[in-house]
């Protein structure tokens, strides 16, 4: 499994995104999930988990519009 963290801290550079996938069981079914990090140019980190990369990016865009 790939990782987007080193020693528990995000390795995401300013202005970029990192993500990895993992599988988990949800309601008795195996589900693919995305762990997603985005670091803004100002250094603030956004992190989320969702079932699709598109959903992660949608959440990121909502976060960016609020900040």
PDB file of N, CA and C in Angstrom:
ATOM      1  N   UNK A   1       0.846  -1.184   0.000  1.00  0.00           N
ATOM      2  CA  UNK A   1       0.000   0.000   0.000  1.00  0.00           C
ATOM      3  C   UNK A   1       0.888   1.242   0.000  1.00  0.00           C
ATOM      4  N   UNK A   2       0.574   2.198  -0.842  1.00  0.00           N
ATOM      5  CA  UNK A   2       1.309   3.461  -0.855  1.00  0.00           C
ATOM      6  C   UNK A   2       0.840   4.327   0.303  1.00  0.00           C
ATOM      7  N   UNK A   3       1.642   5.307   0.648  1.00  0.00           N
ATOM      8  CA  UNK A   3       1.286   6.177   1.757  1.00  0.00           C
ATOM      9  C   UNK A   3       1.470   7.631   1.347  1.00  0.00           C
ATOM     10  N   UNK A   4       0.705   8.487   1.956  1.00  0.00           N
ATOM     11  CA  UNK A   4       0.839   9.921   1.710  1.00  0.00           C
ATOM     12  C   UNK A   4       1.341  10.620   2.965  1.00  0.00           C
ATOM     13  N   UNK A   5       1.823   9.814   3.918  1.00  0.00           N
ATOM     14  CA  UNK A   5       2.323  10.325   5.188  1.00  0.00           C
ATOM     15  C   UNK A   5       3.708   9.768   5.474  1.00  0.00           C
ATOM     16  N   UNK A   6       4.463  10.510   6.245  1.00  0.00           N
ATOM     17  CA  UNK A   6       5.747  10.032   6.741  1.00  0.00           C
ATOM     18  C   UNK A   6       5.774  10.321   8.229  1.00  0.00           C
ATOM     19  N   UNK A   7       5.938   9.279   9.019  1.00  0.00           N
ATOM     20  CA  UNK A   7       5.924   9.412  10.486  1.00  0.00           C
ATOM     21  C   UNK A   7       4.647  10.088  10.973  1.00  0.00           C
ATOM     22  N   UNK A   8       3.535   9.822  10.321  1.00  0.00           N
ATOM     23  CA  UNK A   8       2.246  10.356  10.742  1.00  0.00           C
ATOM     24  C   UNK A   8       1.928  11.761  10.258  1.00  0.00           C
ATOM     25  N   UNK A   9       2.824  12.362   9.479  1.00  0.00           N
ATOM     26  CA  UNK A   9       2.607  13.719   8.972  1.00  0.00           C
ATOM     27  C   UNK A   9       2.480  13.705   7.456  1.00  0.00           C
ATOM     28  N   UNK A  10       1.616  14.535   6.926  1.00  0.00           N
ATOM     29  CA  UNK A  10       1.420  14.619   5.488  1.00  0.00           C
ATOM     30  C   UNK A  10       2.694  15.086   4.793  1.00  0.00           C
ATOM     31  N   UNK A  11       2.991  14.480   3.655  1.00  0.00           N
ATOM     32  CA  UNK A  11       4.163  14.870   2.862  1.00  0.00           C
ATOM     33  C   UNK A  11       3.758  15.736   1.672  1.00  0.00           C
ATOM     34  N   UNK A  12       2.570  16.257   1.706  1.00  0.00           N
ATOM     35  CA  UNK A  12       2.024  17.049   0.609  1.00  0.00           C
ATOM     36  C   UNK A  12       2.701  18.424   0.554  1.00  0.00           C
ATOM     37  N   UNK A  13       3.239  18.763  -0.613  1.00  0.00           N
ATOM     38  CA  UNK A  13       3.891  20.059  -0.810  1.00  0.00           C
ATOM     39  C   UNK A  13       2.842  21.146  -1.043  1.00  0.00           C
ATOM     40  N   UNK A  14       3.199  22.377  -0.772  1.00  0.00           N
ATOM     41  CA  UNK A  14       2.289  23.511  -0.973  1.00  0.00           C
ATOM     42  C   UNK A  14       1.817  23.573  -2.423  1.00  0.00           C
ATOM     43  N   UNK A  15       0.509  23.743  -2.591  1.00  0.00           N
ATOM     44  CA  UNK A  15      -0.087  23.856  -3.917  1.00  0.00           C
ATOM     45  C   UNK A  15      -0.290  22.531  -4.627  1.00  0.00           C
ATOM     46  N   UNK A  16      -0.199  21.413  -3.896  1.00  0.00           N
ATOM     47  CA  UNK A  16      -0.348  20.115  -4.554  1.00  0.00           C
ATOM     48  C   UNK A  16      -1.263  19.193  -3.761  1.00  0.00           C
ATOM     49  N   UNK A  17      -1.591  18.072  -4.380  1.00  0.00           N
ATOM     50  CA  UNK A  17      -2.439  17.061  -3.757  1.00  0.00           C
ATOM     51  C   UNK A  17      -1.713  15.725  -3.754  1.00  0.00           C
ATOM     52  N   UNK A  18      -2.030  14.901  -2.780  1.00  0.00           N
ATOM     53  CA  UNK A  18      -1.575  13.518  -2.701  1.00  0.00           C
ATOM     54  C   UNK A  18      -2.772  12.674  -2.311  1.00  0.00           C
ATOM     55  N   UNK A  19      -2.819  11.457  -2.820  1.00  0.00           N
ATOM     56  CA  UNK A  19      -3.880  10.553  -2.406  1.00  0.00           C
ATOM     57  C   UNK A  19      -3.409   9.117  -2.542  1.00  0.00           C
ATOM     58  N   UNK A  20      -4.064   8.250  -1.799  1.00  0.00           N
ATOM     59  CA  UNK A  20      -3.822   6.818  -1.921  1.00  0.00           C
ATOM     60  C   UNK A  20      -5.163   6.120  -1.732  1.00  0.00           C
ATOM     61  N   UNK A  21      -5.221   4.884  -2.141  1.00  0.00           N
ATOM     62  CA  UNK A  21      -6.441   4.098  -2.009  1.00  0.00           C
ATOM     63  C   UNK A  21      -6.222   2.990  -0.990  1.00  0.00           C
ATOM     64  N   UNK A  22      -7.318   2.554  -0.418  1.00  0.00           N
ATOM     65  CA  UNK A  22      -7.296   1.404   0.484  1.00  0.00           C
ATOM     66  C   UNK A  22      -8.664   0.748   0.413  1.00  0.00           C
ATOM     67  N   UNK A  23      -8.741  -0.474   0.869  1.00  0.00           N
ATOM     68  CA  UNK A  23     -10.014  -1.206   0.902  1.00  0.00           C
ATOM     69  C   UNK A  23     -10.446  -1.384   2.342  1.00  0.00           C
ATOM     70  N   UNK A  24     -11.748  -1.280   2.545  1.00  0.00           N
ATOM     71  CA  UNK A  24     -12.324  -1.481   3.869  1.00  0.00           C
ATOM     72  C   UNK A  24     -13.661  -2.191   3.703  1.00  0.00           C
ATOM     73  N   UNK A  25     -14.177  -2.726   4.769  1.00  0.00           N
ATOM     74  CA  UNK A  25     -15.490  -3.364   4.712  1.00  0.00           C
ATOM     75  C   UNK A  25     -16.528  -2.381   5.225  1.00  0.00           C
ATOM     76  N   UNK A  26     -17.589  -2.223   4.435  1.00  0.00           N
ATOM     77  CA  UNK A  26     -18.678  -1.330   4.787  1.00  0.00           C
ATOM     78  C   UNK A  26     -19.982  -2.069   4.540  1.00  0.00           C
ATOM     79  N   UNK A  27     -20.722  -2.280   5.594  1.00  0.00           N
ATOM     80  CA  UNK A  27     -21.991  -3.015   5.511  1.00  0.00           C
ATOM     81  C   UNK A  27     -21.811  -4.376   4.842  1.00  0.00           C
ATOM     82  N   UNK A  28     -20.716  -5.038   5.209  1.00  0.00           N
ATOM     83  CA  UNK A  28     -20.468  -6.391   4.722  1.00  0.00           C
ATOM     84  C   UNK A  28     -19.863  -6.492   3.335  1.00  0.00           C
ATOM     85  N   UNK A  29     -19.539  -5.362   2.706  1.00  0.00           N
ATOM     86  CA  UNK A  29     -18.959  -5.362   1.363  1.00  0.00           C
ATOM     87  C   UNK A  29     -17.590  -4.703   1.395  1.00  0.00           C
ATOM     88  N   UNK A  30     -16.677  -5.196   0.559  1.00  0.00           N
ATOM     89  CA  UNK A  30     -15.389  -4.531   0.389  1.00  0.00           C
ATOM     90  C   UNK A  30     -15.594  -3.271  -0.442  1.00  0.00           C
ATOM     91  N   UNK A  31     -15.066  -2.161   0.047  1.00  0.00           N
ATOM     92  CA  UNK A  31     -15.243  -0.877  -0.612  1.00  0.00           C
ATOM     93  C   UNK A  31     -13.867  -0.227  -0.786  1.00  0.00           C
ATOM     94  N   UNK A  32     -13.616   0.321  -1.972  1.00  0.00           N
ATOM     95  CA  UNK A  32     -12.387   1.066  -2.226  1.00  0.00           C
ATOM     96  C   UNK A  32     -12.606   2.501  -1.773  1.00  0.00           C
ATOM     97  N   UNK A  33     -11.645   3.018  -0.988  1.00  0.00           N
ATOM     98  CA  UNK A  33     -11.731   4.377  -0.473  1.00  0.00           C
ATOM     99  C   UNK A  33     -10.469   5.139  -0.846  1.00  0.00           C
ATOM    100  N   UNK A  34     -10.586   6.461  -0.851  1.00  0.00           N
ATOM    101  CA  UNK A  34      -9.463   7.353  -1.137  1.00  0.00           C
ATOM    102  C   UNK A  34      -9.150   8.178   0.101  1.00  0.00           C
ATOM    103  N   UNK A  35      -7.888   8.198   0.481  1.00  0.00           N
ATOM    104  CA  UNK A  35      -7.388   9.126   1.492  1.00  0.00           C
ATOM    105  C   UNK A  35      -6.721  10.240   0.709  1.00  0.00           C
ATOM    106  N   UNK A  36      -7.105  11.477   0.964  1.00  0.00           N
ATOM    107  CA  UNK A  36      -6.713  12.609   0.115  1.00  0.00           C
ATOM    108  C   UNK A  36      -6.202  13.763   0.961  1.00  0.00           C
ATOM    109  N   UNK A  37      -5.072  14.322   0.566  1.00  0.00           N
ATOM    110  CA  UNK A  37      -4.516  15.528   1.191  1.00  0.00           C
ATOM    111  C   UNK A  37      -4.295  16.593   0.125  1.00  0.00           C
ATOM    112  N   UNK A  38      -4.552  17.832   0.481  1.00  0.00           N
ATOM    113  CA  UNK A  38      -4.247  18.980  -0.370  1.00  0.00           C
ATOM    114  C   UNK A  38      -3.666  20.058   0.531  1.00  0.00           C
ATOM    115  N   UNK A  39      -2.502  20.571   0.159  1.00  0.00           N
ATOM    116  CA  UNK A  39      -1.905  21.664   0.926  1.00  0.00           C
ATOM    117  C   UNK A  39      -1.986  22.940   0.099  1.00  0.00           C
ATOM    118  N   UNK A  40      -2.666  23.941   0.655  1.00  0.00           N
ATOM    119  CA  UNK A  40      -2.819  25.234  -0.015  1.00  0.00           C
ATOM    120  C   UNK A  40      -1.476  25.948  -0.072  1.00  0.00           C
ATOM    121  N   UNK A  41      -1.391  26.950  -0.931  1.00  0.00           N
ATOM    122  CA  UNK A  41      -0.160  27.733  -1.074  1.00  0.00           C
ATOM    123  C   UNK A  41       0.258  28.378   0.247  1.00  0.00           C
ATOM    124  N   UNK A  42      -0.711  28.692   1.102  1.00  0.00           N
ATOM    125  CA  UNK A  42      -0.397  29.321   2.396  1.00  0.00           C
ATOM    126  C   UNK A  42       0.030  28.311   3.453  1.00  0.00           C
ATOM    127  N   UNK A  43       0.060  27.020   3.097  1.00  0.00           N
ATOM    128  CA  UNK A  43       0.509  25.975   4.006  1.00  0.00           C
ATOM    129  C   UNK A  43      -0.594  25.238   4.737  1.00  0.00           C
ATOM    130  N   UNK A  44      -1.838  25.717   4.674  1.00  0.00           N
ATOM    131  CA  UNK A  44      -2.944  25.027   5.327  1.00  0.00           C
ATOM    132  C   UNK A  44      -3.204  23.693   4.643  1.00  0.00           C
ATOM    133  N   UNK A  45      -3.467  22.668   5.462  1.00  0.00           N
ATOM    134  CA  UNK A  45      -3.672  21.314   4.953  1.00  0.00           C
ATOM    135  C   UNK A  45      -5.140  20.934   5.024  1.00  0.00           C
ATOM    136  N   UNK A  46      -5.659  20.418   3.917  1.00  0.00           N
ATOM    137  CA  UNK A  46      -7.002  19.847   3.868  1.00  0.00           C
ATOM    138  C   UNK A  46      -6.836  18.352   3.693  1.00  0.00           C
ATOM    139  N   UNK A  47      -7.538  17.565   4.490  1.00  0.00           N
ATOM    140  CA  UNK A  47      -7.456  16.120   4.412  1.00  0.00           C
ATOM    141  C   UNK A  47      -8.856  15.536   4.516  1.00  0.00           C
ATOM    142  N   UNK A  48      -9.146  14.513   3.710  1.00  0.00           N
ATOM    143  CA  UNK A  48     -10.460  13.887   3.743  1.00  0.00           C
ATOM    144  C   UNK A  48     -10.360  12.451   3.265  1.00  0.00           C
ATOM    145  N   UNK A  49     -11.444  11.719   3.438  1.00  0.00           N
ATOM    146  CA  UNK A  49     -11.591  10.357   2.940  1.00  0.00           C
ATOM    147  C   UNK A  49     -12.947  10.292   2.244  1.00  0.00           C
ATOM    148  N   UNK A  50     -12.987   9.672   1.063  1.00  0.00           N
ATOM    149  CA  UNK A  50     -14.240   9.511   0.325  1.00  0.00           C
ATOM    150  C   UNK A  50     -14.127   8.279  -0.579  1.00  0.00           C
ATOM    151  N   UNK A  51     -15.244   7.894  -1.153  1.00  0.00           N
ATOM    152  CA  UNK A  51     -15.265   6.690  -1.984  1.00  0.00           C
ATOM    153  C   UNK A  51     -14.777   6.932  -3.410  1.00  0.00           C
ATOM    154  N   UNK A  52     -14.677   8.205  -3.815  1.00  0.00           N
ATOM    155  CA  UNK A  52     -14.139   8.515  -5.149  1.00  0.00           C
ATOM    156  C   UNK A  52     -13.192   9.705  -5.046  1.00  0.00           C
ATOM    157  N   UNK A  53     -12.272   9.776  -5.979  1.00  0.00           N
ATOM    158  CA  UNK A  53     -11.358  10.911  -6.032  1.00  0.00           C
ATOM    159  C   UNK A  53     -12.116  12.190  -6.368  1.00  0.00           C
ATOM    160  N   UNK A  54     -13.128  12.071  -7.217  1.00  0.00           N
ATOM    161  CA  UNK A  54     -13.946  13.233  -7.576  1.00  0.00           C
ATOM    162  C   UNK A  54     -14.637  13.812  -6.339  1.00  0.00           C
ATOM    163  N   UNK A  55     -15.121  12.970  -5.447  1.00  0.00           N
ATOM    164  CA  UNK A  55     -15.769  13.444  -4.224  1.00  0.00           C
ATOM    165  C   UNK A  55     -14.755  14.137  -3.313  1.00  0.00           C
ATOM    166  N   UNK A  56     -13.538  13.601  -3.234  1.00  0.00           N
ATOM    167  CA  UNK A  56     -12.486  14.253  -2.449  1.00  0.00           C
ATOM    168  C   UNK A  56     -12.213  15.658  -2.984  1.00  0.00           C
ATOM    169  N   UNK A  57     -12.099  15.763  -4.293  1.00  0.00           N
ATOM    170  CA  UNK A  57     -11.800  17.061  -4.900  1.00  0.00           C
ATOM    171  C   UNK A  57     -12.968  18.029  -4.746  1.00  0.00           C
ATOM    172  N   UNK A  58     -14.188  17.529  -4.770  1.00  0.00           N
ATOM    173  CA  UNK A  58     -15.358  18.377  -4.544  1.00  0.00           C
ATOM    174  C   UNK A  58     -15.323  18.946  -3.125  1.00  0.00           C
ATOM    175  N   UNK A  59     -14.993  18.096  -2.149  1.00  0.00           N
ATOM    176  CA  UNK A  59     -14.877  18.569  -0.768  1.00  0.00           C
ATOM    177  C   UNK A  59     -13.754  19.598  -0.640  1.00  0.00           C
ATOM    178  N   UNK A  60     -12.627  19.358  -1.338  1.00  0.00           N
ATOM    179  CA  UNK A  60     -11.510  20.307  -1.330  1.00  0.00           C
ATOM    180  C   UNK A  60     -11.952  21.657  -1.881  1.00  0.00           C
ATOM    181  N   UNK A  61     -12.668  21.642  -3.007  1.00  0.00           N
ATOM    182  CA  UNK A  61     -13.120  22.890  -3.616  1.00  0.00           C
ATOM    183  C   UNK A  61     -14.053  23.658  -2.690  1.00  0.00           C
ATOM    184  N   UNK A  62     -14.932  22.945  -1.986  1.00  0.00           N
ATOM    185  CA  UNK A  62     -15.818  23.596  -1.018  1.00  0.00           C
ATOM    186  C   UNK A  62     -15.000  24.223   0.113  1.00  0.00           C
ATOM    187  N   UNK A  63     -13.982  23.505   0.564  1.00  0.00           N
ATOM    188  CA  UNK A  63     -13.095  24.024   1.620  1.00  0.00           C
ATOM    189  C   UNK A  63     -12.358  25.268   1.143  1.00  0.00           C
ATOM    190  N   UNK A  64     -11.856  25.228  -0.096  1.00  0.00           N
ATOM    191  CA  UNK A  64     -11.145  26.385  -0.628  1.00  0.00           C
ATOM    192  C   UNK A  64     -12.054  27.602  -0.741  1.00  0.00           C
ATOM    193  N   UNK A  65     -13.308  27.388  -1.117  1.00  0.00           N
ATOM    194  CA  UNK A  65     -14.254  28.500  -1.267  1.00  0.00           C
ATOM    195  C   UNK A  65     -14.622  29.114   0.085  1.00  0.00           C
ATOM    196  N   UNK A  66     -14.510  28.347   1.165  1.00  0.00           N
ATOM    197  CA  UNK A  66     -14.816  28.862   2.502  1.00  0.00           C
ATOM    198  C   UNK A  66     -13.640  29.619   3.099  1.00  0.00           C
ATOM    199  N   UNK A  67     -12.441  29.321   2.620  1.00  0.00           N
ATOM    200  CA  UNK A  67     -11.218  29.916   3.213  1.00  0.00           C
ATOM    201  C   UNK A  67     -10.615  30.981   2.340  1.00  0.00           C
TER     202      UNK A  67
END
